[in-house]
Amino acid sequence: MTISEYFTSRKYPGRVIIAGSTASGKSVLCYAIMGRSENSRNRVFAFDDEGKLQTRVFDESKVSDPSLIIYNAMRQTGNSIILTNGSQTDLIYDELENGRSFEDAVIKMSYEPDEPNWTSRISALFDEETSSYQLAVVRKEGDATGRVIYKYPQQKGYGHCIHTYLESDDDSLLPPFTKDPERLNLPDSLAELTSQLWNSLDQENKISLFVQVGDEMTILNKNNGD
């Protein structure tokens, strides 16, 4: 399945992570954010001076609650690239820096406290040394916290996708992502991958997109006119 085929029919997958490899063997990482409220939509992606990918407020006058929408989305330690939808980016970074594992970090996570949505925490760890990646989903399951980790070797031309929400017939509900990661065909260039993903996301709800292919990367922000 292509990226376009997967996302064109999905109005609100929420926050999206894709990890994988191009047909020529270059590593791929993508992160997209979407939003329905004014607070959620009031964001852009930007890099800080240390190369961390961050979410930032676009219009300071419209901020109502920055606690769950402003965070480091991507950090690198050694040969590992961390990409997540929240504050767990820093948790994973700290665990790895202290000799512990991705699994050690995931076991310490819970879903976001944004009642009634209880948004899942989704995370990726790409290990460039072993040419492999892990994806994790931490979600609310009844009164408990469910934690699932998937491990994949790089396979040329393919990747896997997770996101925070599944589709619902009731627009007021945002059920958590409970499927296995979707296997997707990946384009071979940064430009083609970026275009295909950005254009297939719902025009009304998409906010920002980060794409990295090998050593190349790009950012698109709807608030900046992209």
C-alpha atoms as a PDB file:
ATOM      1  CA  MET A   1       0.000   0.000   0.000  1.00  0.00           C
ATOM      2  CA  THR A   2       1.253   3.477  -0.808  1.00  0.00           C
ATOM      3  CA  ILE A   3       1.275   6.422   1.572  1.00  0.00           C
ATOM      4  CA  SER A   4      -1.397   8.147  -0.521  1.00  0.00           C
ATOM      5  CA  GLU A   5      -3.669   5.109  -0.508  1.00  0.00           C
ATOM      6  CA  TYR A   6      -3.382   4.784   3.249  1.00  0.00           C
ATOM      7  CA  PHE A   7      -3.923   8.382   4.323  1.00  0.00           C
ATOM      8  CA  THR A   8      -6.232   9.886   1.702  1.00  0.00           C
ATOM      9  CA  SER A   9      -9.285   8.216   3.240  1.00  0.00           C
ATOM     10  CA  ARG A  10      -8.311   9.033   6.846  1.00  0.00           C
ATOM     11  CA  LYS A  11      -9.571  12.404   8.028  1.00  0.00           C
ATOM     12  CA  TYR A  12      -7.934  12.432  11.440  1.00  0.00           C
ATOM     13  CA  PRO A  13      -5.183   9.906  12.246  1.00  0.00           C
ATOM     14  CA  GLY A  14      -3.791  12.462  14.725  1.00  0.00           C
ATOM     15  CA  ARG A  15      -0.018  12.314  15.079  1.00  0.00           C
ATOM     16  CA  VAL A  16       1.781  10.017  12.632  1.00  0.00           C
ATOM     17  CA  ILE A  17       5.175   8.281  12.668  1.00  0.00           C
ATOM     18  CA  ILE A  18       6.685   6.365   9.742  1.00  0.00           C
ATOM     19  CA  ALA A  19      10.039   4.557   9.819  1.00  0.00           C
ATOM     20  CA  GLY A  20      11.651   2.484   7.106  1.00  0.00           C
ATOM     21  CA  SER A  21      13.952   2.538   4.093  1.00  0.00           C
ATOM     22  CA  THR A  22      13.943   3.774   0.518  1.00  0.00           C
ATOM     23  CA  ALA A  23      14.496   1.375  -2.376  1.00  0.00           C
ATOM     24  CA  SER A  24      18.113   2.540  -2.501  1.00  0.00           C
ATOM     25  CA  GLY A  25      18.611   1.706   1.175  1.00  0.00           C
ATOM     26  CA  LYS A  26      18.441   5.171   2.753  1.00  0.00           C
ATOM     27  CA  SER A  27      16.837   5.379   6.188  1.00  0.00           C
ATOM     28  CA  VAL A  28      13.438   7.083   6.437  1.00  0.00           C
ATOM     29  CA  LEU A  29      11.783   8.836   9.377  1.00  0.00           C
ATOM     30  CA  CYS A  30       8.611  10.904   9.147  1.00  0.00           C
ATOM     31  CA  TYR A  31       6.533  12.689  11.759  1.00  0.00           C
ATOM     32  CA  ALA A  32       3.294  14.534  11.060  1.00  0.00           C
ATOM     33  CA  ILE A  33       1.020  16.346  13.473  1.00  0.00           C
ATOM     34  CA  MET A  34      -2.622  17.226  13.033  1.00  0.00           C
ATOM     35  CA  GLY A  35      -5.013  19.230  15.176  1.00  0.00           C
ATOM     36  CA  ARG A  36      -8.677  20.062  15.598  1.00  0.00           C
ATOM     37  CA  SER A  37      -8.607  22.712  18.339  1.00  0.00           C
ATOM     38  CA  GLU A  38      -7.147  26.199  18.007  1.00  0.00           C
ATOM     39  CA  ASN A  39      -4.561  25.314  20.661  1.00  0.00           C
ATOM     40  CA  SER A  40      -3.421  22.203  18.783  1.00  0.00           C
ATOM     41  CA  ARG A  41      -3.262  24.015  15.459  1.00  0.00           C
ATOM     42  CA  ASN A  42      -1.179  26.845  16.889  1.00  0.00           C
ATOM     43  CA  ARG A  43       2.153  25.078  16.270  1.00  0.00           C
ATOM     44  CA  VAL A  44       5.101  24.802  13.907  1.00  0.00           C
ATOM     45  CA  PHE A  45       8.110  22.496  13.665  1.00  0.00           C
ATOM     46  CA  ALA A  46      11.568  24.017  14.046  1.00  0.00           C
ATOM     47  CA  PHE A  47      15.130  22.903  14.808  1.00  0.00           C
ATOM     48  CA  ASP A  48      17.022  24.306  17.784  1.00  0.00           C
ATOM     49  CA  ASP A  49      20.745  25.122  17.773  1.00  0.00           C
ATOM     50  CA  GLU A  50      21.603  21.535  18.763  1.00  0.00           C
ATOM     51  CA  GLY A  51      19.617  19.991  15.906  1.00  0.00           C
ATOM     52  CA  LYS A  52      16.668  18.816  17.985  1.00  0.00           C
ATOM     53  CA  LEU A  53      13.306  18.902  16.202  1.00  0.00           C
ATOM     54  CA  GLN A  54      10.807  20.793  18.340  1.00  0.00           C
ATOM     55  CA  THR A  55       7.193  21.860  18.299  1.00  0.00           C
ATOM     56  CA  ARG A  56       6.861  25.584  18.917  1.00  0.00           C
ATOM     57  CA  VAL A  57       4.013  28.019  19.421  1.00  0.00           C
ATOM     58  CA  PHE A  58       3.113  29.916  16.259  1.00  0.00           C
ATOM     59  CA  ASP A  59       1.015  32.721  17.776  1.00  0.00           C
ATOM     60  CA  GLU A  60       1.726  33.440  21.459  1.00  0.00           C
ATOM     61  CA  SER A  61      -1.589  35.283  21.853  1.00  0.00           C
ATOM     62  CA  LYS A  62      -3.550  32.087  21.141  1.00  0.00           C
ATOM     63  CA  VAL A  63      -1.830  29.758  23.625  1.00  0.00           C
ATOM     64  CA  SER A  64      -4.196  28.170  26.138  1.00  0.00           C
ATOM     65  CA  ASP A  65      -2.282  25.092  27.369  1.00  0.00           C
ATOM     66  CA  PRO A  66       1.230  24.339  26.104  1.00  0.00           C
ATOM     67  CA  SER A  67       1.806  21.317  28.372  1.00  0.00           C
ATOM     68  CA  LEU A  68       1.067  18.545  25.837  1.00  0.00           C
ATOM     69  CA  ILE A  69       1.704  20.339  22.562  1.00  0.00           C
ATOM     70  CA  ILE A  70       5.238  21.753  23.058  1.00  0.00           C
ATOM     71  CA  TYR A  71       8.077  19.213  23.241  1.00  0.00           C
ATOM     72  CA  ASN A  72      11.227  17.853  21.647  1.00  0.00           C
ATOM     73  CA  ALA A  73      10.033  15.554  18.857  1.00  0.00           C
ATOM     74  CA  MET A  74      13.411  14.248  17.667  1.00  0.00           C
ATOM     75  CA  ARG A  75      16.797  13.807  19.308  1.00  0.00           C
ATOM     76  CA  GLN A  76      19.884  11.767  18.471  1.00  0.00           C
ATOM     77  CA  THR A  77      22.258   9.892  20.750  1.00  0.00           C
ATOM     78  CA  GLY A  78      25.122   7.942  19.248  1.00  0.00           C
ATOM     79  CA  ASN A  79      23.798   5.972  16.282  1.00  0.00           C
ATOM     80  CA  SER A  80      20.190   6.142  17.487  1.00  0.00           C
ATOM     81  CA  ILE A  81      17.543   8.621  16.356  1.00  0.00           C
ATOM     82  CA  ILE A  82      14.536   9.107  18.641  1.00  0.00           C
ATOM     83  CA  LEU A  83      11.235  10.385  17.240  1.00  0.00           C
ATOM     84  CA  THR A  84       8.049  10.672  19.323  1.00  0.00           C
ATOM     85  CA  ASN A  85       4.812  12.583  19.798  1.00  0.00           C
ATOM     86  CA  GLY A  86       5.596  14.013  23.222  1.00  0.00           C
ATOM     87  CA  SER A  87       7.809  14.455  26.255  1.00  0.00           C
ATOM     88  CA  GLN A  88       8.885  10.808  26.064  1.00  0.00           C
ATOM     89  CA  THR A  89      11.529  11.879  23.536  1.00  0.00           C
ATOM     90  CA  ASP A  90      13.583  13.182  26.446  1.00  0.00           C
ATOM     91  CA  LEU A  91      12.788  10.119  28.575  1.00  0.00           C
ATOM     92  CA  ILE A  92      14.096   7.769  25.868  1.00  0.00           C
ATOM     93  CA  TYR A  93      17.150   9.963  25.351  1.00  0.00           C
ATOM     94  CA  ASP A  94      17.992   9.913  29.060  1.00  0.00           C
ATOM     95  CA  GLU A  95      17.543   6.139  29.301  1.00  0.00           C
ATOM     96  CA  LEU A  96      19.843   5.494  26.353  1.00  0.00           C
ATOM     97  CA  GLU A  97      22.437   7.992  27.587  1.00  0.00           C
ATOM     98  CA  ASN A  98      22.506   6.108  30.898  1.00  0.00           C
ATOM     99  CA  GLY A  99      23.081   2.718  29.317  1.00  0.00           C
ATOM    100  CA  ARG A 100      19.499   1.534  29.416  1.00  0.00           C
ATOM    101  CA  SER A 101      17.181   0.541  26.556  1.00  0.00           C
ATOM    102  CA  PHE A 102      14.199   1.659  24.527  1.00  0.00           C
ATOM    103  CA  GLU A 103      12.176  -0.983  26.384  1.00  0.00           C
ATOM    104  CA  ASP A 104      13.254   0.491  29.725  1.00  0.00           C
ATOM    105  CA  ALA A 105      11.887   3.849  28.632  1.00  0.00           C
ATOM    106  CA  VAL A 106       8.606   2.491  27.262  1.00  0.00           C
ATOM    107  CA  ILE A 107       7.782   0.676  30.510  1.00  0.00           C
ATOM    108  CA  LYS A 108       7.937   4.043  32.294  1.00  0.00           C
ATOM    109  CA  MET A 109       5.455   5.708  29.914  1.00  0.00           C
ATOM    110  CA  SER A 110       1.738   6.209  30.214  1.00  0.00           C
ATOM    111  CA  TYR A 111      -0.801   7.646  27.793  1.00  0.00           C
ATOM    112  CA  GLU A 112      -1.374  11.393  27.788  1.00  0.00           C
ATOM    113  CA  PRO A 113      -3.695  12.783  30.512  1.00  0.00           C
ATOM    114  CA  ASP A 114      -5.908  14.637  28.016  1.00  0.00           C
ATOM    115  CA  GLU A 115      -9.316  13.323  29.104  1.00  0.00           C
ATOM    116  CA  PRO A 116     -11.523  12.236  27.348  1.00  0.00           C
ATOM    117  CA  ASN A 117      -9.144  11.400  24.460  1.00  0.00           C
ATOM    118  CA  TRP A 118      -6.337   9.828  26.524  1.00  0.00           C
ATOM    119  CA  THR A 119      -4.053  10.224  23.527  1.00  0.00           C
ATOM    120  CA  SER A 120      -1.586   7.374  22.987  1.00  0.00           C
ATOM    121  CA  ARG A 121       2.142   7.993  23.145  1.00  0.00           C
ATOM    122  CA  ILE A 122       3.803   6.800  19.938  1.00  0.00           C
ATOM    123  CA  SER A 123       7.566   6.507  19.611  1.00  0.00           C
ATOM    124  CA  ALA A 124      10.249   5.354  17.192  1.00  0.00           C
ATOM    125  CA  LEU A 125      13.896   4.483  17.672  1.00  0.00           C
ATOM    126  CA  PHE A 126      16.017   4.112  14.535  1.00  0.00           C
ATOM    127  CA  ASP A 127      19.350   2.340  15.056  1.00  0.00           C
ATOM    128  CA  GLU A 128      21.650   3.277  12.183  1.00  0.00           C
ATOM    129  CA  GLU A 129      24.353   0.860  13.334  1.00  0.00           C
ATOM    130  CA  THR A 130      22.130  -2.232  13.063  1.00  0.00           C
ATOM    131  CA  SER A 131      19.913  -0.880  10.223  1.00  0.00           C
ATOM    132  CA  SER A 132      16.796  -1.579  12.270  1.00  0.00           C
ATOM    133  CA  TYR A 133      14.031   0.312  14.014  1.00  0.00           C
ATOM    134  CA  GLN A 134      11.554  -0.082  16.843  1.00  0.00           C
ATOM    135  CA  LEU A 135       8.064   1.383  17.162  1.00  0.00           C
ATOM    136  CA  ALA A 136       6.101   1.658  20.393  1.00  0.00           C
ATOM    137  CA  VAL A 137       2.479   2.474  21.200  1.00  0.00           C
ATOM    138  CA  VAL A 138       1.462   3.220  24.793  1.00  0.00           C
ATOM    139  CA  ARG A 139      -2.318   3.492  25.106  1.00  0.00           C
ATOM    140  CA  LYS A 140      -5.201   3.396  27.547  1.00  0.00           C
ATOM    141  CA  GLU A 141      -6.798  -0.056  27.799  1.00  0.00           C
ATOM    142  CA  GLY A 142      -9.723   0.117  30.208  1.00  0.00           C
ATOM    143  CA  ASP A 143      -8.247   1.189  33.533  1.00  0.00           C
ATOM    144  CA  ALA A 144      -4.789  -0.078  32.571  1.00  0.00           C
ATOM    145  CA  THR A 145      -1.917   1.056  30.352  1.00  0.00           C
ATOM    146  CA  GLY A 146      -1.119  -1.097  27.336  1.00  0.00           C
ATOM    147  CA  ARG A 147       2.417  -1.019  25.960  1.00  0.00           C
ATOM    148  CA  VAL A 148       3.371  -2.628  22.642  1.00  0.00           C
ATOM    149  CA  ILE A 149       6.800  -2.612  20.968  1.00  0.00           C
ATOM    150  CA  TYR A 150       7.514  -3.704  17.395  1.00  0.00           C
ATOM    151  CA  LYS A 151      10.994  -4.399  16.013  1.00  0.00           C
ATOM    152  CA  TYR A 152      11.867  -4.418  12.307  1.00  0.00           C
ATOM    153  CA  PRO A 153      14.996  -4.711  10.171  1.00  0.00           C
ATOM    154  CA  GLN A 154      15.306  -2.178   7.375  1.00  0.00           C
ATOM    155  CA  GLN A 155      13.738  -3.562   4.205  1.00  0.00           C
ATOM    156  CA  LYS A 156      14.479  -1.592   1.058  1.00  0.00           C
ATOM    157  CA  GLY A 157      11.444   0.252  -0.294  1.00  0.00           C
ATOM    158  CA  TYR A 158       9.220  -0.325   2.726  1.00  0.00           C
ATOM    159  CA  GLY A 159       8.389   1.150   6.095  1.00  0.00           C
ATOM    160  CA  HIS A 160       5.885   0.901   8.918  1.00  0.00           C
ATOM    161  CA  CYS A 161       3.411   3.478  10.168  1.00  0.00           C
ATOM    162  CA  ILE A 162       1.742   4.085  13.516  1.00  0.00           C
ATOM    163  CA  HIS A 163      -0.531   6.935  14.569  1.00  0.00           C
ATOM    164  CA  THR A 164      -2.463   8.037  17.616  1.00  0.00           C
ATOM    165  CA  TYR A 165      -6.093   7.569  16.547  1.00  0.00           C
ATOM    166  CA  LEU A 166      -8.288   5.253  14.541  1.00  0.00           C
ATOM    167  CA  GLU A 167     -11.279   6.431  12.538  1.00  0.00           C
ATOM    168  CA  SER A 168     -14.657   6.602  14.295  1.00  0.00           C
ATOM    169  CA  ASP A 169     -18.229   7.129  13.103  1.00  0.00           C
ATOM    170  CA  ASP A 170     -18.623   9.522  16.035  1.00  0.00           C
ATOM    171  CA  ASP A 171     -16.591  12.698  15.436  1.00  0.00           C
ATOM    172  CA  SER A 172     -16.543  13.390  19.176  1.00  0.00           C
ATOM    173  CA  LEU A 173     -14.577  10.191  19.856  1.00  0.00           C
ATOM    174  CA  LEU A 174     -10.914   9.566  19.114  1.00  0.00           C
ATOM    175  CA  PRO A 175     -10.312   5.841  19.663  1.00  0.00           C
ATOM    176  CA  PRO A 176      -6.666   4.845  20.142  1.00  0.00           C
ATOM    177  CA  PHE A 177      -4.580   3.138  17.479  1.00  0.00           C
ATOM    178  CA  THR A 178      -4.907  -0.576  18.271  1.00  0.00           C
ATOM    179  CA  LYS A 179      -3.740  -2.182  15.013  1.00  0.00           C
ATOM    180  CA  ASP A 180      -0.321  -3.522  14.147  1.00  0.00           C
ATOM    181  CA  PRO A 181       1.850  -0.989  12.282  1.00  0.00           C
ATOM    182  CA  GLU A 182       0.811  -0.610   8.649  1.00  0.00           C
ATOM    183  CA  ARG A 183       3.427  -1.699   6.105  1.00  0.00           C
ATOM    184  CA  LEU A 184       3.798   0.949   3.389  1.00  0.00           C
ATOM    185  CA  ASN A 185       5.668   1.314   0.120  1.00  0.00           C
ATOM    186  CA  LEU A 186       8.085   4.251   0.403  1.00  0.00           C
ATOM    187  CA  PRO A 187       9.202   6.583  -2.410  1.00  0.00           C
ATOM    188  CA  ASP A 188      12.925   6.803  -3.079  1.00  0.00           C
ATOM    189  CA  SER A 189      13.528  10.543  -2.730  1.00  0.00           C
ATOM    190  CA  LEU A 190      13.026  13.140  -0.011  1.00  0.00           C
ATOM    191  CA  ALA A 191      10.990  15.355  -2.349  1.00  0.00           C
ATOM    192  CA  GLU A 192       8.671  12.581  -3.496  1.00  0.00           C
ATOM    193  CA  LEU A 193       8.131  11.197   0.003  1.00  0.00           C
ATOM    194  CA  THR A 194       7.441  14.641   1.447  1.00  0.00           C
ATOM    195  CA  SER A 195       5.019  15.559  -1.333  1.00  0.00           C
ATOM    196  CA  GLN A 196       3.145  12.277  -1.183  1.00  0.00           C
ATOM    197  CA  LEU A 197       2.659  12.359   2.598  1.00  0.00           C
ATOM    198  CA  TRP A 198       1.868  16.079   2.928  1.00  0.00           C
ATOM    199  CA  ASN A 199      -0.641  16.035   0.086  1.00  0.00           C
ATOM    200  CA  SER A 200      -2.423  12.922   1.346  1.00  0.00           C
ATOM    201  CA  LEU A 201      -3.016  14.286   4.853  1.00  0.00           C
ATOM    202  CA  ASP A 202      -6.380  15.966   5.435  1.00  0.00           C
ATOM    203  CA  GLN A 203      -6.091  19.590   4.316  1.00  0.00           C
ATOM    204  CA  GLU A 204      -8.217  20.964   7.164  1.00  0.00           C
ATOM    205  CA  ASN A 205      -6.487  19.143  10.019  1.00  0.00           C
ATOM    206  CA  LYS A 206      -2.811  18.822   9.054  1.00  0.00           C
ATOM    207  CA  ILE A 207      -0.374  21.164  10.804  1.00  0.00           C
ATOM    208  CA  SER A 208       3.274  20.214  10.339  1.00  0.00           C
ATOM    209  CA  LEU A 209       5.455  17.545   8.752  1.00  0.00           C
ATOM    210  CA  PHE A 210       9.062  16.435   9.256  1.00  0.00           C
ATOM    211  CA  VAL A 211      10.722  14.027   6.805  1.00  0.00           C
ATOM    212  CA  GLN A 212      14.258  12.638   6.901  1.00  0.00           C
ATOM    213  CA  VAL A 213      15.712  10.489   4.129  1.00  0.00           C
ATOM    214  CA  GLY A 214      19.317   9.483   4.780  1.00  0.00           C
ATOM    215  CA  ASP A 215      21.163  12.681   5.705  1.00  0.00           C
ATOM    216  CA  GLU A 216      18.570  14.964   4.070  1.00  0.00           C
ATOM    217  CA  MET A 217      15.618  16.393   5.950  1.00  0.00           C
ATOM    218  CA  THR A 218      12.862  18.932   5.513  1.00  0.00           C
ATOM    219  CA  ILE A 219      10.024  20.588   7.431  1.00  0.00           C
ATOM    220  CA  LEU A 220       6.640  21.838   6.233  1.00  0.00           C
ATOM    221  CA  ASN A 221       4.378  24.029   8.375  1.00  0.00           C
ATOM    222  CA  LYS A 222       0.842  24.922   7.368  1.00  0.00           C
ATOM    223  CA  ASN A 223       0.987  28.038   9.569  1.00  0.00           C
ATOM    224  CA  ASN A 224       3.927  29.249   7.473  1.00  0.00           C
ATOM    225  CA  GLY A 225       1.990  28.816   4.243  1.00  0.00           C
ATOM    226  CA  ASP A 226       3.384  25.406   3.212  1.00  0.00           C
END
